[in-house]
C-alpha cells in the first residue's frame, strides 16, 4: 500500500466522519483509545544470491479510536512505519439491523478470508503470516458487508473496491465471503472449521494482478514472482484449528484460479500449518479467529509470564499453465515470552527454500540477478526478533 494525496484526503474524511455518527439519546458513546508497536531485528543470508540482511525495522506503530453506542460501532486506525508514511488501516462503522442478529459494515476493512489473516497481528504466532496470505493479496478495501454470528458460528459477505490509501486508478472490484463453525466448543477443547471465497477483477485503468512473495521476513525483497499475468481471479480457502488446554494447532489451504492474459487458466496454491504449546498460559479464540493469549501469572503480579514454543511449515506454488513464477516452502521454529498478555518478545527462526522460477518482475535485485544468471534454486536462512506491546 502506498500513501497518496487522494488516500490522505479519504483517510481524513473517514476519521472525521465516523466518530461523528449519531449516538442514541439514552446511550452516549463508549469510546476507547488503543495502540500497538512492533519493532523487529532480522538477520538473514541466502545460500547463492548476493543477499545478506542485518538490520532493524519499525514494523508497525498504530493508534486506533473505537466507539460504540446503541446499534452502532466504529473503529478508525492509523499506522506508520520505518518510512514515516501514515496510512489508514481500519476505518469502518457497523450498523445493527433492528430485530435481527445481522450488522452492516461500511468503510475500509479486511476482506473476510483466512483464519490467520483475520487474526490480529498482535496475536499471530510468528513475526509474519504464512506466505500465501501476502502472495494472494489479502488486504483491506473500501466496501460494504453484512455479517452475523451465533454461539458456534460466524458469517460475513461483502463487496469491496480499492484500499482507501490507493489512488483512484487502483480500485477494481472484489467479492468475498467467509463462514466458520466450531463443532466442539467446551472449556476443555475447541475445534474450528472455516471456508472462504473471493473473486477479484481489475479496473480497466489498473495493471494486471501478480503473485509474489518474500523469504518470510519483511526486510528482504521478493524472492519469487509471476509478474503481471491476470485481470481476474477466484480464490477458495479452507481452514481448521484446535485448542486443547495449552496446545494448539491450525492448518489452511488456498486455491487460486486465474484468468491469464494468455487465454488459459492458471492454478496456484498455498498452504500453512502450525502447532504450539504454552507454558504458563494458553491461546484463546472468539468469533472465528484467535484472540489475545491468556497469561496465567504475568510479571505485573510477581509471576514469570508465559512461554510459547511453536513450529510451522508453509508452501506457495506459483507455477502453472506456462507461468513460471517459482515455488517456495518455509520451515519455522518460534519461541515467544509474554511478560503480560499485552507484551511479547518473540523469536522466529526460518528457512525458505525456493525454486526461483523465470520471472524477475518485482524481485529483490539479488534474486533477480540469480534468475538472470540461470540459478534455479536458492535458500534463505535467518531469524527475526520481535519486541511487541499494545494497549
Protein backbone atom coordinates (compact mmCIF):
# COMPACT_ATOMS: atom_id res chain seq x y z
CA UNK A 1 0.00 0.00 0.00
CA UNK A 2 1.26 3.45 -0.78
CA UNK A 3 0.34 6.84 0.61
CA UNK A 4 -1.08 9.46 -1.73
CA UNK A 5 -2.87 12.79 -1.63
CA UNK A 6 -6.07 11.00 -2.59
CA UNK A 7 -5.59 8.45 0.20
CA UNK A 8 -4.74 11.16 2.74
CA UNK A 9 -7.92 13.11 1.94
CA UNK A 10 -10.01 9.94 2.18
CA UNK A 11 -8.35 8.97 5.45
CA UNK A 12 -9.01 12.39 6.95
CA UNK A 13 -12.62 12.35 5.81
CA UNK A 14 -13.26 8.90 7.27
CA UNK A 15 -11.51 9.76 10.52
CA UNK A 16 -13.68 12.84 10.94
CA UNK A 17 -16.93 11.28 9.75
CA UNK A 18 -17.13 8.01 11.67
CA UNK A 19 -16.84 9.39 15.23
CA UNK A 20 -19.50 11.95 14.28
CA UNK A 21 -22.09 9.21 13.77
CA UNK A 22 -25.19 9.90 15.87
CA UNK A 23 -25.41 8.30 19.30
CA UNK A 24 -28.60 7.19 20.99
CA UNK A 25 -30.28 9.82 23.14
CA UNK A 26 -30.15 7.41 26.09
CA UNK A 27 -26.79 5.78 25.34
CA UNK A 28 -23.71 8.01 24.96
CA UNK A 29 -20.66 6.83 23.07
CA UNK A 30 -18.38 4.35 24.84
CA UNK A 31 -15.01 5.49 23.44
CA UNK A 32 -11.72 3.55 23.61
CA UNK A 33 -8.23 4.57 22.52
CA UNK A 34 -5.78 1.77 21.72
CA UNK A 35 -2.45 1.26 20.00
CA UNK A 36 0.41 -1.10 19.22
CA UNK A 37 4.07 -1.04 18.33
CA UNK A 38 6.17 -3.83 16.73
CA UNK A 39 9.93 -3.46 16.42
CA UNK A 40 11.92 -6.14 14.56
CA UNK A 41 15.54 -7.18 14.18
CA UNK A 42 16.27 -9.55 11.27
CA UNK A 43 19.43 -11.36 10.25
CA UNK A 44 19.26 -13.50 7.09
CA UNK A 45 21.52 -14.81 4.33
CA UNK A 46 20.96 -16.57 1.01
CA UNK A 47 22.94 -19.65 0.01
CA UNK A 48 23.62 -18.47 -3.55
CA UNK A 49 22.23 -14.99 -4.24
CA UNK A 50 24.14 -11.96 -3.01
CA UNK A 51 21.75 -11.31 -0.13
CA UNK A 52 22.75 -10.59 3.44
CA UNK A 53 20.35 -8.85 5.81
CA UNK A 54 21.31 -7.49 9.23
CA UNK A 55 19.02 -4.70 10.31
CA UNK A 56 16.20 -3.36 12.41
CA UNK A 57 12.80 -2.06 11.40
CA UNK A 58 9.83 -0.36 12.97
CA UNK A 59 7.43 -2.97 11.62
CA UNK A 60 4.35 -1.02 12.61
CA UNK A 61 3.05 1.59 15.02
CA UNK A 62 -0.69 2.12 15.16
CA UNK A 63 -3.16 4.28 17.05
CA UNK A 64 -6.86 3.47 16.99
CA UNK A 65 -10.06 5.10 18.18
CA UNK A 66 -13.10 2.86 18.62
CA UNK A 67 -16.54 3.52 19.98
CA UNK A 68 -19.99 2.05 20.36
CA UNK A 69 -23.46 3.09 21.26
CA UNK A 70 -26.90 1.58 20.84
CA UNK A 71 -26.85 -0.13 17.42
CA UNK A 72 -23.63 1.47 16.08
CA UNK A 73 -19.93 0.58 16.44
CA UNK A 74 -16.98 2.26 14.75
CA UNK A 75 -13.20 1.98 14.51
CA UNK A 76 -10.58 4.27 12.94
CA UNK A 77 -6.92 3.23 12.97
CA UNK A 78 -3.85 4.99 11.58
CA UNK A 79 -0.48 3.33 11.00
CA UNK A 80 3.06 4.50 10.45
CA UNK A 81 6.26 2.56 9.73
CA UNK A 82 10.01 2.89 9.19
CA UNK A 83 9.42 5.20 6.20
CA UNK A 84 7.26 7.54 8.36
CA UNK A 85 4.34 7.13 5.96
CA UNK A 86 0.89 7.46 7.53
CA UNK A 87 -1.86 5.25 6.17
CA UNK A 88 -5.31 4.14 7.23
CA UNK A 89 -5.81 0.51 8.20
CA UNK A 90 -9.33 0.10 9.61
CA UNK A 91 -11.89 2.88 9.18
CA UNK A 92 -15.40 1.48 9.35
CA UNK A 93 -18.74 1.53 11.13
CA UNK A 94 -21.10 -1.32 11.99
CA UNK A 95 -24.85 -0.70 11.96
CA UNK A 96 -27.14 -3.22 13.68
CA UNK A 97 -30.21 -4.28 11.68
CA UNK A 98 -33.12 -3.89 14.06
CA UNK A 99 -34.82 -7.11 15.13
CA UNK A 100 -32.09 -9.39 13.71
CA UNK A 101 -28.58 -10.60 14.56
CA UNK A 102 -27.24 -9.02 11.35
CA UNK A 103 -24.98 -5.99 11.13
CA UNK A 104 -23.95 -3.93 8.10
CA UNK A 105 -20.33 -2.81 7.96
CA UNK A 106 -19.23 0.08 5.73
CA UNK A 107 -15.80 1.63 5.31
CA UNK A 108 -12.23 0.38 4.89
CA UNK A 109 -11.67 -3.11 6.36
CA UNK A 110 -10.30 -6.58 5.58
CA UNK A 111 -11.99 -8.85 3.10
CA UNK A 112 -13.28 -11.91 5.01
CA UNK A 113 -10.64 -14.52 4.13
CA UNK A 114 -8.29 -16.81 6.10
CA UNK A 115 -8.10 -17.61 9.81
CA UNK A 116 -4.56 -16.25 10.10
CA UNK A 117 -5.41 -13.07 8.17
CA UNK A 118 -8.48 -12.36 10.32
CA UNK A 119 -6.44 -12.92 13.49
CA UNK A 120 -4.85 -9.65 14.60
CA UNK A 121 -1.10 -9.34 14.09
CA UNK A 122 -0.92 -8.88 17.88
CA UNK A 123 -1.98 -12.49 18.33
CA UNK A 124 -0.40 -14.38 15.41
CA UNK A 125 2.25 -16.95 16.31
CA UNK A 126 5.20 -15.74 14.23
CA UNK A 127 6.53 -12.35 13.13
CA UNK A 128 4.87 -12.81 9.70
CA UNK A 129 1.87 -14.77 8.47
CA UNK A 130 2.01 -17.74 6.10
CA UNK A 131 3.38 -16.88 2.62
CA UNK A 132 0.09 -17.32 0.72
CA UNK A 133 -1.70 -14.57 2.69
CA UNK A 134 0.64 -11.93 1.25
CA UNK A 135 1.19 -13.55 -2.14
CA UNK A 136 -2.56 -13.71 -2.82
CA UNK A 137 -3.08 -10.10 -1.66
CA UNK A 138 -5.32 -10.46 1.38
CA UNK A 139 -5.90 -6.82 2.23
CA UNK A 140 -8.34 -4.16 3.27
CA UNK A 141 -10.62 -2.33 0.85
CA UNK A 142 -13.40 0.23 0.81
CA UNK A 143 -16.54 -1.85 0.94
CA UNK A 144 -19.83 -2.83 2.45
CA UNK A 145 -20.57 -6.18 4.05
CA UNK A 146 -23.24 -8.00 6.01
CA UNK A 147 -22.18 -10.12 8.97
CA UNK A 148 -23.77 -12.13 11.74
CA UNK A 149 -22.86 -14.79 14.31
CA UNK A 150 -24.30 -17.39 16.60
CA UNK A 151 -22.96 -19.29 19.58
CA UNK A 152 -20.83 -21.61 17.42
CA UNK A 153 -20.64 -19.92 14.02
CA UNK A 154 -19.89 -16.69 12.13
CA UNK A 155 -20.60 -15.42 8.62
CA UNK A 156 -19.62 -12.33 6.58
CA UNK A 157 -20.04 -11.44 2.90
CA UNK A 158 -19.36 -8.19 1.11
CA UNK A 159 -18.26 -6.20 -1.93
CA UNK A 160 -15.05 -4.16 -1.97
CA UNK A 161 -13.28 -1.59 -4.11
CA UNK A 162 -9.72 -0.34 -3.70
CA UNK A 163 -7.97 0.41 -0.44
CA UNK A 164 -8.61 3.90 0.93
CA UNK A 165 -4.87 4.63 0.62
CA UNK A 166 -4.76 3.78 -3.09
CA UNK A 167 -5.09 6.21 -5.97
CA UNK A 168 -8.40 6.27 -7.94
CA UNK A 169 -6.80 4.22 -10.73
CA UNK A 170 -6.21 1.27 -8.37
CA UNK A 171 -9.76 0.47 -7.32
CA UNK A 172 -11.04 -2.68 -9.03
CA UNK A 173 -13.69 -4.96 -7.51
CA UNK A 174 -13.63 -7.83 -5.02
CA UNK A 175 -16.48 -10.00 -3.75
CA UNK A 176 -15.67 -12.08 -0.66
CA UNK A 177 -17.37 -14.27 1.95
CA UNK A 178 -16.29 -16.40 4.92
CA UNK A 179 -18.08 -18.75 7.28
CA UNK A 180 -16.80 -20.51 10.41
CA UNK A 181 -18.18 -23.24 12.67
CA UNK A 182 -16.99 -24.72 15.97
CA UNK A 183 -18.44 -28.26 16.23
CA UNK A 184 -16.65 -28.64 19.59
CA UNK A 185 -16.53 -25.64 21.91
CA UNK A 186 -16.13 -26.61 25.55
CA UNK A 187 -13.96 -25.45 28.45
CA UNK A 188 -11.53 -28.27 27.66
CA UNK A 189 -11.36 -28.20 23.86
CA UNK A 190 -12.23 -26.10 20.81
CA UNK A 191 -12.36 -27.22 17.17
CA UNK A 192 -12.66 -24.57 14.44
CA UNK A 193 -13.64 -25.15 10.81
CA UNK A 194 -13.92 -22.46 8.18
CA UNK A 195 -14.12 -21.70 4.47
CA UNK A 196 -13.88 -18.52 2.42
CA UNK A 197 -14.13 -17.38 -1.17
CA UNK A 198 -13.00 -14.25 -3.03
CA UNK A 199 -13.48 -13.09 -6.61
CA UNK A 200 -11.41 -10.17 -7.92
CA UNK A 201 -11.27 -8.25 -11.16
CA UNK A 202 -9.23 -5.19 -12.03
CA UNK A 203 -10.45 -1.81 -13.20
CA UNK A 204 -9.63 -1.07 -16.84
CA UNK A 205 -7.09 1.52 -15.64
CA UNK A 206 -5.23 -0.95 -13.39
CA UNK A 207 -2.18 -3.04 -14.12
CA UNK A 208 -2.71 -6.80 -14.25
CA UNK A 209 -2.63 -8.77 -10.99
CA UNK A 210 0.51 -10.62 -9.97
CA UNK A 211 1.56 -13.01 -7.19
CA UNK A 212 4.91 -12.70 -5.40
CA UNK A 213 6.49 -13.26 -2.01
CA UNK A 214 9.49 -12.67 0.25
CA UNK A 215 11.52 -15.32 2.09
CA UNK A 216 9.40 -14.96 5.28
CA UNK A 217 10.95 -11.82 6.81
CA UNK A 218 9.89 -8.32 5.87
CA UNK A 219 13.33 -6.82 5.22
CA UNK A 220 14.43 -8.92 2.20
CA UNK A 221 12.76 -8.16 -1.12
CA UNK A 222 10.63 -10.63 -3.07
CA UNK A 223 12.19 -13.99 -3.85
CA UNK A 224 9.61 -15.35 -6.34
CA UNK A 225 7.08 -13.65 -8.64
CA UNK A 226 4.75 -14.39 -11.52
CA UNK A 227 4.88 -10.87 -12.91
CA UNK A 228 1.58 -9.28 -14.08
CA UNK A 229 -0.45 -12.17 -15.55
CA UNK A 230 -4.20 -11.81 -14.96
CA UNK A 231 -7.12 -9.39 -14.88
CA UNK A 232 -9.30 -11.55 -12.58
CA UNK A 233 -9.06 -14.49 -10.21
CA UNK A 234 -11.09 -16.69 -7.88
CA UNK A 235 -9.79 -17.88 -4.51
CA UNK A 236 -11.18 -20.65 -2.32
CA UNK A 237 -9.77 -21.13 1.17
CA UNK A 238 -10.20 -23.88 3.75
CA UNK A 239 -9.12 -23.67 7.39
CA UNK A 240 -9.15 -25.66 10.60
CA UNK A 241 -7.81 -25.28 14.13
CA UNK A 242 -7.86 -26.93 17.53
CA UNK A 243 -7.13 -25.66 21.04
CA UNK A 244 -6.83 -28.17 23.86
CA UNK A 245 -5.54 -26.62 27.06
CA UNK A 246 -2.04 -25.21 26.40
CA UNK A 247 -1.77 -26.97 23.00
CA UNK A 248 -2.96 -25.52 19.72
CA UNK A 249 -2.68 -26.30 16.01
CA UNK A 250 -4.07 -24.80 12.83
CA UNK A 251 -3.95 -25.50 9.09
CA UNK A 252 -5.04 -23.61 5.97
CA UNK A 253 -5.17 -24.23 2.24
CA UNK A 254 -5.76 -21.64 -0.51
CA UNK A 255 -6.51 -22.37 -4.18
CA UNK A 256 -6.46 -19.57 -6.78
CA UNK A 257 -7.73 -19.89 -10.36
CA UNK A 258 -6.55 -17.01 -12.56
CA UNK A 259 -7.83 -15.99 -15.99
CA UNK A 260 -4.46 -15.48 -17.63
CA UNK A 261 -3.97 -12.78 -20.24
CA UNK A 262 -2.57 -15.52 -22.50
CA UNK A 263 -6.07 -17.01 -22.64
CA UNK A 264 -5.59 -20.04 -20.39
CA UNK A 265 -6.37 -20.62 -16.71
CA UNK A 266 -3.60 -20.66 -14.12
CA UNK A 267 -3.91 -22.72 -10.95
CA UNK A 268 -1.82 -21.53 -7.97
CA UNK A 269 -1.88 -22.81 -4.40
CA UNK A 270 -0.65 -22.06 -0.90
CA UNK A 271 -0.90 -23.74 2.47
CA UNK A 272 0.18 -23.32 6.05
CA UNK A 273 0.38 -25.45 9.19
CA UNK A 274 1.45 -24.55 12.70
CA UNK A 275 1.37 -26.12 16.16
CA UNK A 276 2.50 -24.93 19.55
CA UNK A 277 2.40 -25.30 23.30
CA UNK A 278 2.08 -22.71 26.07
CA UNK A 279 3.82 -22.94 29.43
CA UNK A 280 2.01 -20.73 31.92
CA UNK A 281 -0.79 -19.72 29.59
CA UNK A 282 -2.87 -20.69 26.58
CA UNK A 283 -4.17 -19.46 23.26
CA UNK A 284 -7.74 -18.14 23.13
CA UNK A 285 -10.41 -17.89 20.44
CA UNK A 286 -13.50 -15.79 19.75
CA UNK A 287 -15.84 -15.26 16.81
CA UNK A 288 -13.90 -17.19 14.17
CA UNK A 289 -10.34 -16.09 15.00
CA UNK A 290 -7.59 -16.39 17.59
CA UNK A 291 -7.64 -13.75 20.30
CA UNK A 292 -5.34 -12.39 23.00
CA UNK A 293 -3.36 -15.16 24.73
CA UNK A 294 -4.04 -15.88 28.38
CA UNK A 295 -1.06 -15.39 30.71
CA UNK A 296 -1.69 -17.16 34.00
CA UNK A 297 1.00 -15.38 36.05
CA UNK A 298 2.06 -12.05 34.48
CA UNK A 299 5.18 -10.28 35.71
CA UNK A 300 2.97 -7.41 36.92
CA UNK A 301 1.61 -9.88 39.51
CA UNK A 302 5.06 -11.18 40.52
CA UNK A 303 4.86 -14.06 38.04
CA UNK A 304 7.16 -15.23 35.28
CA UNK A 305 4.79 -14.59 32.38
CA UNK A 306 4.09 -17.29 29.76
CA UNK A 307 6.35 -19.07 27.28
CA UNK A 308 5.11 -20.42 23.94
CA UNK A 309 7.09 -22.76 21.69
CA UNK A 310 5.87 -23.43 18.15
CA UNK A 311 6.68 -24.90 14.76
CA UNK A 312 5.23 -24.14 11.33
CA UNK A 313 5.54 -25.05 7.67
CA UNK A 314 4.02 -23.24 4.72
CA UNK A 315 4.11 -23.64 0.94
CA UNK A 316 3.46 -21.49 -2.11
CA UNK A 317 3.32 -22.70 -5.72
CA UNK A 318 3.21 -20.05 -8.47
CA UNK A 319 3.93 -22.28 -11.48
CA UNK A 320 1.23 -23.47 -13.89
CA UNK A 321 -0.12 -23.09 -17.44
CA UNK A 322 3.09 -21.65 -18.84
CA UNK A 323 3.61 -19.28 -15.90
CA UNK A 324 6.92 -19.99 -14.15
CA UNK A 325 6.61 -17.86 -11.04
CA UNK A 326 8.57 -20.26 -8.87
CA UNK A 327 7.67 -22.07 -5.67
CA UNK A 328 8.62 -21.67 -2.03
CA UNK A 329 8.42 -23.61 1.22
CA UNK A 330 9.27 -22.19 4.64
CA UNK A 331 10.01 -24.06 7.87
CA UNK A 332 9.79 -22.16 11.15
CA UNK A 333 10.60 -22.58 14.82
CA UNK A 334 9.27 -20.00 17.24
CA UNK A 335 9.78 -19.08 20.88
CA UNK A 336 7.77 -16.28 22.47
CA UNK A 337 7.85 -14.93 26.01
CA UNK A 338 4.79 -12.98 27.17
CA UNK A 339 5.59 -10.95 30.31
CA UNK A 340 1.91 -9.96 30.19
CA UNK A 341 -0.88 -10.63 27.73
CA UNK A 342 -0.12 -7.26 26.09
CA UNK A 343 3.66 -7.56 25.75
CA UNK A 344 5.78 -10.06 23.88
CA UNK A 345 9.37 -10.90 22.97
CA UNK A 346 9.22 -13.31 20.01
CA UNK A 347 11.93 -15.19 18.12
CA UNK A 348 11.15 -16.65 14.67
CA UNK A 349 13.83 -18.87 13.12
CA UNK A 350 13.11 -19.54 9.44
CA UNK A 351 14.42 -21.28 6.36
CA UNK A 352 12.81 -20.53 3.00
CA UNK A 353 13.66 -22.89 0.11
CA UNK A 354 12.63 -21.66 -3.32
CA UNK A 355 12.59 -22.63 -6.95
CA UNK A 356 13.23 -19.14 -8.31
CA UNK A 357 11.21 -19.54 -11.50
CA UNK A 358 11.78 -17.47 -14.63
CA UNK A 359 10.31 -14.05 -13.79
CA UNK A 360 12.35 -11.15 -12.41
CA UNK A 361 9.33 -8.83 -12.07
CA UNK A 362 9.42 -7.03 -8.72
CA UNK A 363 12.13 -9.25 -7.25
CA UNK A 364 14.83 -8.19 -4.83
CA UNK A 365 17.85 -7.28 -7.03
CA UNK A 366 19.87 -10.17 -5.56
CA UNK A 367 17.26 -12.72 -6.64
CA UNK A 368 16.64 -11.03 -10.00
CA UNK A 369 20.37 -11.34 -10.71
CA UNK A 370 20.24 -15.02 -9.71
CA UNK A 371 17.36 -15.69 -12.12
CA UNK A 372 19.18 -13.91 -14.95
CA UNK A 373 22.28 -15.99 -14.18
CA UNK A 374 20.27 -19.18 -14.64
CA UNK A 375 20.34 -20.23 -10.98
CA UNK A 376 17.28 -22.46 -10.49
CA UNK A 377 17.07 -22.68 -6.69
CA UNK A 378 18.10 -20.80 -3.59
CA UNK A 379 17.65 -20.92 0.16
CA UNK A 380 17.38 -18.12 2.73
CA UNK A 381 18.04 -18.84 6.41
CA UNK A 382 17.53 -16.32 9.15
CA UNK A 383 15.97 -15.15 12.37
CA UNK A 384 13.60 -12.33 13.29
CA UNK A 385 13.38 -10.96 16.84
CA UNK A 386 10.22 -9.01 17.61
CA UNK A 387 9.57 -6.67 20.51
CA UNK A 388 5.87 -6.02 20.81
CA UNK A 389 3.48 -4.10 23.03
CA UNK A 390 -0.10 -2.89 22.78
CA UNK A 391 -2.63 -1.13 24.96
